[in-house]
Amino acid sequence: MQNAPFGIAKFLDLVGHIWLPALIVGTAGTAELIRTMRANLLDELPKQYVTVARARGVKPTKLLYKYPLRIAINPVISTVGWLLPVLVEGEVLVSLVLGLPTIAPVLLDSLMQQDMFLATSIIMILGILTLIGTLLSDILLAIVDPRIRGAV
């Protein structure tokens, strides 16, 4: 089935088998983002503006989403830009371990054969993905936080 031309059967086979690598790659950085968000939120919750809003009777869910979450999410959004190249790098590792026919064997083979042009091209693509991810996270940060829009 691996060398068959791409069709409905091959697509359905791919969908049936892609869930495990997607789960592995997708959950790789989740713990770091959760820890960052939790730490930032715990830093914001005891601040005076939250205490004053709580004393005025603001509902707890509205209090959480309107004030501290909007400030605590900024470091998370700024690190989301690094997820795009990390996903590709994680896919390389996962596909090597699971034996999937993706770009990983090509990269490994080009490094073993000392094909500097192919290896450099793949690494350059990872660098471009880093730039694109950083640009997207900066744009998203400017959308989410009005203080950043005013600074530009």
N, C-alpha and C. Protein backbone atom coordinates (compact mmCIF):
# COMPACT_ATOMS: atom_id res chain seq x y z
N MET A 1 0.82 -1.20 0.00
CA MET A 1 0.00 0.00 0.00
C MET A 1 0.86 1.26 0.00
N GLN A 2 2.13 1.13 0.39
CA GLN A 2 2.98 2.29 0.52
C GLN A 2 3.35 2.88 -0.84
N ASN A 3 3.59 2.04 -1.83
CA ASN A 3 4.00 2.52 -3.15
C ASN A 3 2.82 2.67 -4.11
N ALA A 4 1.61 2.44 -3.63
CA ALA A 4 0.43 2.58 -4.49
C ALA A 4 0.20 4.04 -4.81
N PRO A 5 -0.39 4.33 -5.98
CA PRO A 5 -0.71 5.72 -6.29
C PRO A 5 -1.73 6.26 -5.28
N PHE A 6 -1.66 7.57 -5.07
CA PHE A 6 -2.52 8.17 -4.06
C PHE A 6 -3.97 8.16 -4.54
N GLY A 7 -4.82 7.58 -3.73
CA GLY A 7 -6.24 7.49 -4.04
C GLY A 7 -7.04 7.44 -2.76
N ILE A 8 -8.31 7.10 -2.89
CA ILE A 8 -9.20 7.05 -1.73
C ILE A 8 -8.73 5.99 -0.73
N ALA A 9 -8.33 4.83 -1.21
CA ALA A 9 -7.92 3.75 -0.31
C ALA A 9 -6.66 4.14 0.47
N LYS A 10 -5.71 4.75 -0.21
CA LYS A 10 -4.48 5.16 0.48
C LYS A 10 -4.77 6.29 1.46
N PHE A 11 -5.66 7.20 1.10
CA PHE A 11 -6.03 8.29 2.00
C PHE A 11 -6.71 7.75 3.25
N LEU A 12 -7.64 6.82 3.10
CA LEU A 12 -8.31 6.24 4.26
C LEU A 12 -7.34 5.45 5.13
N ASP A 13 -6.38 4.78 4.51
CA ASP A 13 -5.36 4.08 5.27
C ASP A 13 -4.50 5.07 6.06
N LEU A 14 -4.16 6.19 5.44
CA LEU A 14 -3.38 7.22 6.11
C LEU A 14 -4.15 7.80 7.29
N VAL A 15 -5.43 8.10 7.10
CA VAL A 15 -6.25 8.65 8.18
C VAL A 15 -6.39 7.64 9.32
N GLY A 16 -6.46 6.38 9.00
CA GLY A 16 -6.58 5.35 10.02
C GLY A 16 -5.32 5.16 10.85
N HIS A 17 -4.16 5.52 10.29
CA HIS A 17 -2.90 5.30 10.99
C HIS A 17 -2.22 6.57 11.48
N ILE A 18 -2.73 7.72 11.12
CA ILE A 18 -2.04 8.97 11.45
C ILE A 18 -2.34 9.46 12.87
N TRP A 19 -3.33 8.89 13.53
CA TRP A 19 -3.74 9.40 14.85
C TRP A 19 -2.63 9.27 15.89
N LEU A 20 -1.87 8.19 15.89
CA LEU A 20 -0.82 8.01 16.89
C LEU A 20 0.32 9.02 16.72
N PRO A 21 0.90 9.18 15.52
CA PRO A 21 1.93 10.21 15.39
C PRO A 21 1.41 11.63 15.66
N ALA A 22 0.18 11.90 15.24
CA ALA A 22 -0.39 13.22 15.51
C ALA A 22 -0.56 13.46 17.00
N LEU A 23 -0.99 12.45 17.72
CA LEU A 23 -1.14 12.55 19.18
C LEU A 23 0.21 12.77 19.85
N ILE A 24 1.21 12.04 19.42
CA ILE A 24 2.55 12.18 20.02
C ILE A 24 3.13 13.56 19.76
N VAL A 25 3.07 14.01 18.52
CA VAL A 25 3.64 15.32 18.17
C VAL A 25 2.82 16.44 18.78
N GLY A 26 1.50 16.29 18.81
CA GLY A 26 0.64 17.34 19.32
C GLY A 26 0.73 17.56 20.82
N THR A 27 0.99 16.51 21.57
CA THR A 27 1.06 16.65 23.02
C THR A 27 2.47 16.91 23.52
N ALA A 28 3.44 17.01 22.62
CA ALA A 28 4.83 17.16 23.04
C ALA A 28 5.05 18.45 23.84
N GLY A 29 4.56 19.56 23.38
CA GLY A 29 4.80 20.82 24.06
C GLY A 29 3.65 21.30 24.93
N THR A 30 2.63 20.47 25.06
CA THR A 30 1.44 20.89 25.81
C THR A 30 1.75 21.12 27.28
N ALA A 31 2.54 20.26 27.88
CA ALA A 31 2.85 20.40 29.30
C ALA A 31 3.59 21.70 29.58
N GLU A 32 4.50 22.08 28.70
CA GLU A 32 5.23 23.33 28.89
C GLU A 32 4.31 24.53 28.80
N LEU A 33 3.40 24.53 27.83
CA LEU A 33 2.45 25.64 27.71
C LEU A 33 1.50 25.71 28.90
N ILE A 34 1.07 24.55 29.39
CA ILE A 34 0.18 24.53 30.55
C ILE A 34 0.90 25.07 31.78
N ARG A 35 2.15 24.66 31.98
CA ARG A 35 2.91 25.15 33.15
C ARG A 35 3.14 26.65 33.06
N THR A 36 3.45 27.14 31.87
CA THR A 36 3.67 28.58 31.69
C THR A 36 2.39 29.36 31.98
N MET A 37 1.28 28.88 31.43
CA MET A 37 0.01 29.57 31.65
C MET A 37 -0.39 29.54 33.12
N ARG A 38 -0.23 28.40 33.78
CA ARG A 38 -0.58 28.28 35.19
C ARG A 38 0.28 29.20 36.05
N ALA A 39 1.58 29.24 35.80
CA ALA A 39 2.48 30.10 36.59
C ALA A 39 2.13 31.57 36.41
N ASN A 40 1.86 31.99 35.18
CA ASN A 40 1.51 33.38 34.92
C ASN A 40 0.16 33.74 35.56
N LEU A 41 -0.78 32.82 35.49
CA LEU A 41 -2.09 33.06 36.09
C LEU A 41 -1.99 33.13 37.61
N LEU A 42 -1.18 32.27 38.20
CA LEU A 42 -1.00 32.32 39.66
C LEU A 42 -0.28 33.59 40.10
N ASP A 43 0.53 34.18 39.22
CA ASP A 43 1.16 35.46 39.54
C ASP A 43 0.16 36.61 39.47
N GLU A 44 -0.82 36.51 38.59
CA GLU A 44 -1.78 37.60 38.41
C GLU A 44 -2.94 37.57 39.42
N LEU A 45 -3.33 36.40 39.87
CA LEU A 45 -4.52 36.29 40.72
C LEU A 45 -4.43 37.03 42.05
N PRO A 46 -3.30 37.08 42.74
CA PRO A 46 -3.29 37.82 44.01
C PRO A 46 -3.10 39.33 43.87
N LYS A 47 -3.04 39.85 42.67
CA LYS A 47 -2.81 41.29 42.50
C LYS A 47 -4.04 42.09 42.92
N GLN A 48 -3.80 43.36 43.17
CA GLN A 48 -4.83 44.22 43.76
C GLN A 48 -6.04 44.43 42.85
N TYR A 49 -5.85 44.55 41.56
CA TYR A 49 -6.99 44.79 40.67
C TYR A 49 -7.94 43.60 40.66
N VAL A 50 -7.42 42.39 40.86
CA VAL A 50 -8.27 41.21 40.92
C VAL A 50 -9.04 41.20 42.24
N THR A 51 -8.37 41.56 43.32
CA THR A 51 -9.02 41.62 44.64
C THR A 51 -10.12 42.67 44.65
N VAL A 52 -9.88 43.82 44.04
CA VAL A 52 -10.89 44.88 43.99
C VAL A 52 -12.09 44.43 43.15
N ALA A 53 -11.84 43.81 42.02
CA ALA A 53 -12.94 43.33 41.19
C ALA A 53 -13.73 42.25 41.90
N ARG A 54 -13.06 41.39 42.64
CA ARG A 54 -13.75 40.35 43.40
C ARG A 54 -14.59 40.98 44.51
N ALA A 55 -14.06 42.04 45.16
CA ALA A 55 -14.80 42.72 46.23
C ALA A 55 -16.02 43.45 45.68
N ARG A 56 -15.97 43.90 44.45
CA ARG A 56 -17.12 44.57 43.83
C ARG A 56 -18.20 43.60 43.39
N GLY A 57 -17.93 42.31 43.47
CA GLY A 57 -18.94 41.32 43.17
C GLY A 57 -18.94 40.81 41.74
N VAL A 58 -17.81 40.96 41.05
CA VAL A 58 -17.72 40.42 39.70
C VAL A 58 -17.74 38.90 39.78
N LYS A 59 -18.50 38.28 38.89
CA LYS A 59 -18.60 36.82 38.89
C LYS A 59 -17.21 36.21 38.69
N PRO A 60 -16.93 35.08 39.34
CA PRO A 60 -15.58 34.50 39.26
C PRO A 60 -15.12 34.16 37.84
N THR A 61 -16.02 33.64 37.01
CA THR A 61 -15.59 33.30 35.65
C THR A 61 -15.31 34.56 34.82
N LYS A 62 -16.14 35.58 34.98
CA LYS A 62 -15.91 36.83 34.27
C LYS A 62 -14.64 37.50 34.78
N LEU A 63 -14.43 37.41 36.09
CA LEU A 63 -13.23 37.99 36.68
C LEU A 63 -11.98 37.31 36.13
N LEU A 64 -12.02 36.00 36.00
CA LEU A 64 -10.86 35.27 35.51
C LEU A 64 -10.58 35.57 34.04
N TYR A 65 -11.62 35.57 33.20
CA TYR A 65 -11.43 35.75 31.77
C TYR A 65 -11.17 37.20 31.38
N LYS A 66 -11.75 38.14 32.09
CA LYS A 66 -11.63 39.53 31.67
C LYS A 66 -10.30 40.16 32.08
N TYR A 67 -9.81 39.84 33.26
CA TYR A 67 -8.62 40.53 33.75
C TYR A 67 -7.34 39.69 33.74
N PRO A 68 -7.17 38.74 34.66
CA PRO A 68 -5.85 38.09 34.74
C PRO A 68 -5.51 37.19 33.54
N LEU A 69 -6.49 36.58 32.95
CA LEU A 69 -6.21 35.68 31.82
C LEU A 69 -5.67 36.46 30.63
N ARG A 70 -6.19 37.65 30.40
CA ARG A 70 -5.73 38.46 29.26
C ARG A 70 -4.28 38.89 29.42
N ILE A 71 -3.83 39.06 30.66
CA ILE A 71 -2.44 39.43 30.89
C ILE A 71 -1.55 38.19 30.92
N ALA A 72 -2.05 37.11 31.52
CA ALA A 72 -1.24 35.90 31.67
C ALA A 72 -1.04 35.15 30.36
N ILE A 73 -1.87 35.41 29.38
CA ILE A 73 -1.77 34.66 28.13
C ILE A 73 -0.68 35.21 27.20
N ASN A 74 -0.18 36.42 27.46
CA ASN A 74 0.83 37.01 26.58
C ASN A 74 2.10 36.17 26.43
N PRO A 75 2.71 35.66 27.51
CA PRO A 75 3.90 34.82 27.30
C PRO A 75 3.58 33.52 26.56
N VAL A 76 2.38 33.00 26.75
CA VAL A 76 2.00 31.78 26.04
C VAL A 76 1.89 32.05 24.55
N ILE A 77 1.27 33.17 24.20
CA ILE A 77 1.12 33.51 22.77
C ILE A 77 2.48 33.78 22.14
N SER A 78 3.38 34.42 22.88
CA SER A 78 4.70 34.70 22.30
C SER A 78 5.51 33.43 22.10
N THR A 79 5.25 32.37 22.87
CA THR A 79 5.97 31.12 22.67
C THR A 79 5.27 30.19 21.67
N VAL A 80 4.03 30.50 21.29
CA VAL A 80 3.32 29.68 20.32
C VAL A 80 4.02 29.73 18.96
N GLY A 81 4.71 30.81 18.67
CA GLY A 81 5.43 30.93 17.41
C GLY A 81 6.51 29.89 17.23
N TRP A 82 7.02 29.37 18.32
CA TRP A 82 8.04 28.33 18.24
C TRP A 82 7.44 26.96 18.02
N LEU A 83 6.13 26.83 18.11
CA LEU A 83 5.50 25.52 17.95
C LEU A 83 5.55 25.00 16.52
N LEU A 84 5.52 25.88 15.54
CA LEU A 84 5.53 25.44 14.15
C LEU A 84 6.81 24.67 13.80
N PRO A 85 8.00 25.21 14.06
CA PRO A 85 9.19 24.40 13.77
C PRO A 85 9.34 23.21 14.71
N VAL A 86 8.86 23.34 15.95
CA VAL A 86 8.95 22.23 16.90
C VAL A 86 8.07 21.07 16.43
N LEU A 87 6.91 21.38 15.84
CA LEU A 87 6.06 20.32 15.31
C LEU A 87 6.76 19.55 14.19
N VAL A 88 7.45 20.29 13.32
CA VAL A 88 8.16 19.63 12.23
C VAL A 88 9.33 18.81 12.78
N GLU A 89 10.08 19.38 13.74
CA GLU A 89 11.19 18.64 14.33
C GLU A 89 10.69 17.42 15.09
N GLY A 90 9.58 17.57 15.79
CA GLY A 90 9.00 16.43 16.50
C GLY A 90 8.52 15.36 15.54
N GLU A 91 8.01 15.80 14.40
CA GLU A 91 7.57 14.84 13.38
C GLU A 91 8.75 14.07 12.85
N VAL A 92 9.90 14.72 12.71
CA VAL A 92 11.10 14.04 12.24
C VAL A 92 11.48 12.93 13.20
N LEU A 93 11.49 13.23 14.48
CA LEU A 93 11.86 12.23 15.48
C LEU A 93 10.84 11.10 15.55
N VAL A 94 9.56 11.45 15.56
CA VAL A 94 8.50 10.44 15.64
C VAL A 94 8.51 9.54 14.41
N SER A 95 8.70 10.12 13.24
CA SER A 95 8.70 9.29 12.04
C SER A 95 9.92 8.39 11.97
N LEU A 96 11.04 8.82 12.53
CA LEU A 96 12.21 7.94 12.59
C LEU A 96 11.95 6.77 13.52
N VAL A 97 11.36 7.04 14.69
CA VAL A 97 11.11 5.98 15.66
C VAL A 97 10.04 5.02 15.16
N LEU A 98 8.97 5.55 14.58
CA LEU A 98 7.87 4.70 14.12
C LEU A 98 8.06 4.16 12.71
N GLY A 99 9.11 4.61 12.02
CA GLY A 99 9.38 4.10 10.68
C GLY A 99 8.41 4.61 9.64
N LEU A 100 7.96 5.85 9.77
CA LEU A 100 7.02 6.42 8.81
C LEU A 100 7.78 7.03 7.63
N PRO A 101 7.25 6.89 6.43
CA PRO A 101 7.94 7.43 5.25
C PRO A 101 7.65 8.93 5.08
N THR A 102 8.35 9.75 5.82
CA THR A 102 8.19 11.21 5.71
C THR A 102 9.54 11.82 5.38
N ILE A 103 9.70 13.09 5.72
CA ILE A 103 10.95 13.79 5.42
C ILE A 103 12.09 13.34 6.32
N ALA A 104 11.80 12.71 7.44
CA ALA A 104 12.83 12.31 8.39
C ALA A 104 13.85 11.34 7.81
N PRO A 105 13.42 10.25 7.16
CA PRO A 105 14.43 9.37 6.57
C PRO A 105 15.26 10.06 5.49
N VAL A 106 14.63 10.98 4.77
CA VAL A 106 15.37 11.73 3.74
C VAL A 106 16.44 12.59 4.40
N LEU A 107 16.08 13.28 5.50
CA LEU A 107 17.05 14.11 6.21
C LEU A 107 18.17 13.26 6.79
N LEU A 108 17.82 12.17 7.43
CA LEU A 108 18.83 11.30 8.02
C LEU A 108 19.75 10.71 6.95
N ASP A 109 19.17 10.28 5.84
CA ASP A 109 19.97 9.72 4.77
C ASP A 109 20.90 10.77 4.15
N SER A 110 20.38 12.00 4.00
CA SER A 110 21.22 13.05 3.43
C SER A 110 22.36 13.41 4.38
N LEU A 111 22.12 13.34 5.69
CA LEU A 111 23.20 13.60 6.64
C LEU A 111 24.23 12.46 6.63
N MET A 112 23.75 11.23 6.52
CA MET A 112 24.67 10.09 6.50
C MET A 112 25.50 10.06 5.20
N GLN A 113 24.90 10.46 4.09
CA GLN A 113 25.59 10.47 2.81
C GLN A 113 26.37 11.77 2.58
N GLN A 114 26.29 12.67 3.54
CA GLN A 114 26.94 13.98 3.48
C GLN A 114 26.48 14.79 2.27
N ASP A 115 25.19 14.70 1.98
CA ASP A 115 24.59 15.50 0.92
C ASP A 115 24.22 16.85 1.53
N MET A 116 25.17 17.76 1.51
CA MET A 116 24.98 19.03 2.23
C MET A 116 23.89 19.89 1.61
N PHE A 117 23.63 19.76 0.34
CA PHE A 117 22.62 20.59 -0.29
C PHE A 117 21.21 20.21 0.16
N LEU A 118 20.94 18.91 0.20
CA LEU A 118 19.62 18.46 0.63
C LEU A 118 19.43 18.70 2.13
N ALA A 119 20.42 18.39 2.95
CA ALA A 119 20.32 18.60 4.39
C ALA A 119 20.17 20.08 4.71
N THR A 120 20.94 20.91 4.03
CA THR A 120 20.84 22.36 4.26
C THR A 120 19.48 22.89 3.82
N SER A 121 18.94 22.35 2.75
CA SER A 121 17.61 22.79 2.29
C SER A 121 16.54 22.45 3.32
N ILE A 122 16.60 21.26 3.88
CA ILE A 122 15.61 20.87 4.88
C ILE A 122 15.75 21.72 6.13
N ILE A 123 16.98 21.96 6.54
CA ILE A 123 17.21 22.79 7.73
C ILE A 123 16.82 24.24 7.46
N MET A 124 17.02 24.71 6.22
CA MET A 124 16.59 26.06 5.87
C MET A 124 15.07 26.18 5.92
N ILE A 125 14.37 25.14 5.51
CA ILE A 125 12.91 25.14 5.61
C ILE A 125 12.48 25.24 7.07
N LEU A 126 13.19 24.55 7.96
CA LEU A 126 12.89 24.68 9.40
C LEU A 126 13.14 26.10 9.88
N GLY A 127 14.18 26.74 9.38
CA GLY A 127 14.44 28.13 9.74
C GLY A 127 13.36 29.07 9.23
N ILE A 128 12.88 28.84 8.03
CA ILE A 128 11.79 29.65 7.48
C ILE A 128 10.52 29.45 8.29
N LEU A 129 10.26 28.20 8.69
CA LEU A 129 9.09 27.94 9.55
C LEU A 129 9.22 28.66 10.89
N THR A 130 10.44 28.78 11.40
CA THR A 130 10.65 29.54 12.64
C THR A 130 10.30 31.00 12.44
N LEU A 131 10.73 31.58 11.32
CA LEU A 131 10.41 32.98 11.04
C LEU A 131 8.90 33.18 10.87
N ILE A 132 8.26 32.28 10.14
CA ILE A 132 6.81 32.40 9.93
C ILE A 132 6.07 32.25 11.26
N GLY A 133 6.48 31.29 12.08
CA GLY A 133 5.84 31.10 13.38
C GLY A 133 6.01 32.30 14.29
N THR A 134 7.19 32.89 14.29
CA THR A 134 7.43 34.08 15.10
C THR A 134 6.60 35.26 14.61
N LEU A 135 6.51 35.43 13.30
CA LEU A 135 5.68 36.49 12.73
C LEU A 135 4.22 36.30 13.12
N LEU A 136 3.71 35.07 13.00
CA LEU A 136 2.32 34.80 13.37
C LEU A 136 2.06 35.04 14.85
N SER A 137 3.00 34.66 15.70
CA SER A 137 2.80 34.89 17.13
C SER A 137 2.85 36.38 17.46
N ASP A 138 3.70 37.15 16.78
CA ASP A 138 3.73 38.59 17.00
C ASP A 138 2.43 39.25 16.55
N ILE A 139 1.90 38.83 15.42
CA ILE A 139 0.63 39.37 14.94
C ILE A 139 -0.50 39.01 15.91
N LEU A 140 -0.52 37.77 16.37
CA LEU A 140 -1.54 37.34 17.32
C LEU A 140 -1.41 38.08 18.64
N LEU A 141 -0.20 38.33 19.08
CA LEU A 141 0.01 39.08 20.31
C LEU A 141 -0.46 40.52 20.17
N ALA A 142 -0.26 41.12 19.00
CA ALA A 142 -0.74 42.48 18.77
C ALA A 142 -2.27 42.54 18.73
N ILE A 143 -2.89 41.46 18.26
CA ILE A 143 -4.35 41.41 18.24
C ILE A 143 -4.91 41.27 19.65
N VAL A 144 -4.29 40.41 20.45
CA VAL A 144 -4.81 40.09 21.78
C VAL A 144 -4.56 41.21 22.78
N ASP A 145 -3.38 41.84 22.73
CA ASP A 145 -3.00 42.82 23.74
C ASP A 145 -2.96 44.22 23.14
N PRO A 146 -3.87 45.10 23.53
CA PRO A 146 -3.89 46.45 22.95
C PRO A 146 -2.67 47.28 23.36
N ARG A 147 -2.01 46.92 24.46
CA ARG A 147 -0.82 47.67 24.87
C ARG A 147 0.30 47.53 23.87
N ILE A 148 0.38 46.40 23.21
CA ILE A 148 1.43 46.15 22.23
C ILE A 148 1.16 46.93 20.95
N ARG A 149 -0.13 47.02 20.57
CA ARG A 149 -0.49 47.80 19.37
C ARG A 149 -0.13 49.27 19.56
N GLY A 150 -0.31 49.79 20.77
CA GLY A 150 -0.01 51.19 21.03
C GLY A 150 1.49 51.47 21.03
N ALA A 151 2.31 50.45 21.31
CA ALA A 151 3.75 50.64 21.38
C ALA A 151 4.39 50.72 20.01
N VAL A 152 3.71 50.22 18.99
CA VAL A 152 4.30 50.20 17.64
C VAL A 152 4.13 51.47 16.94
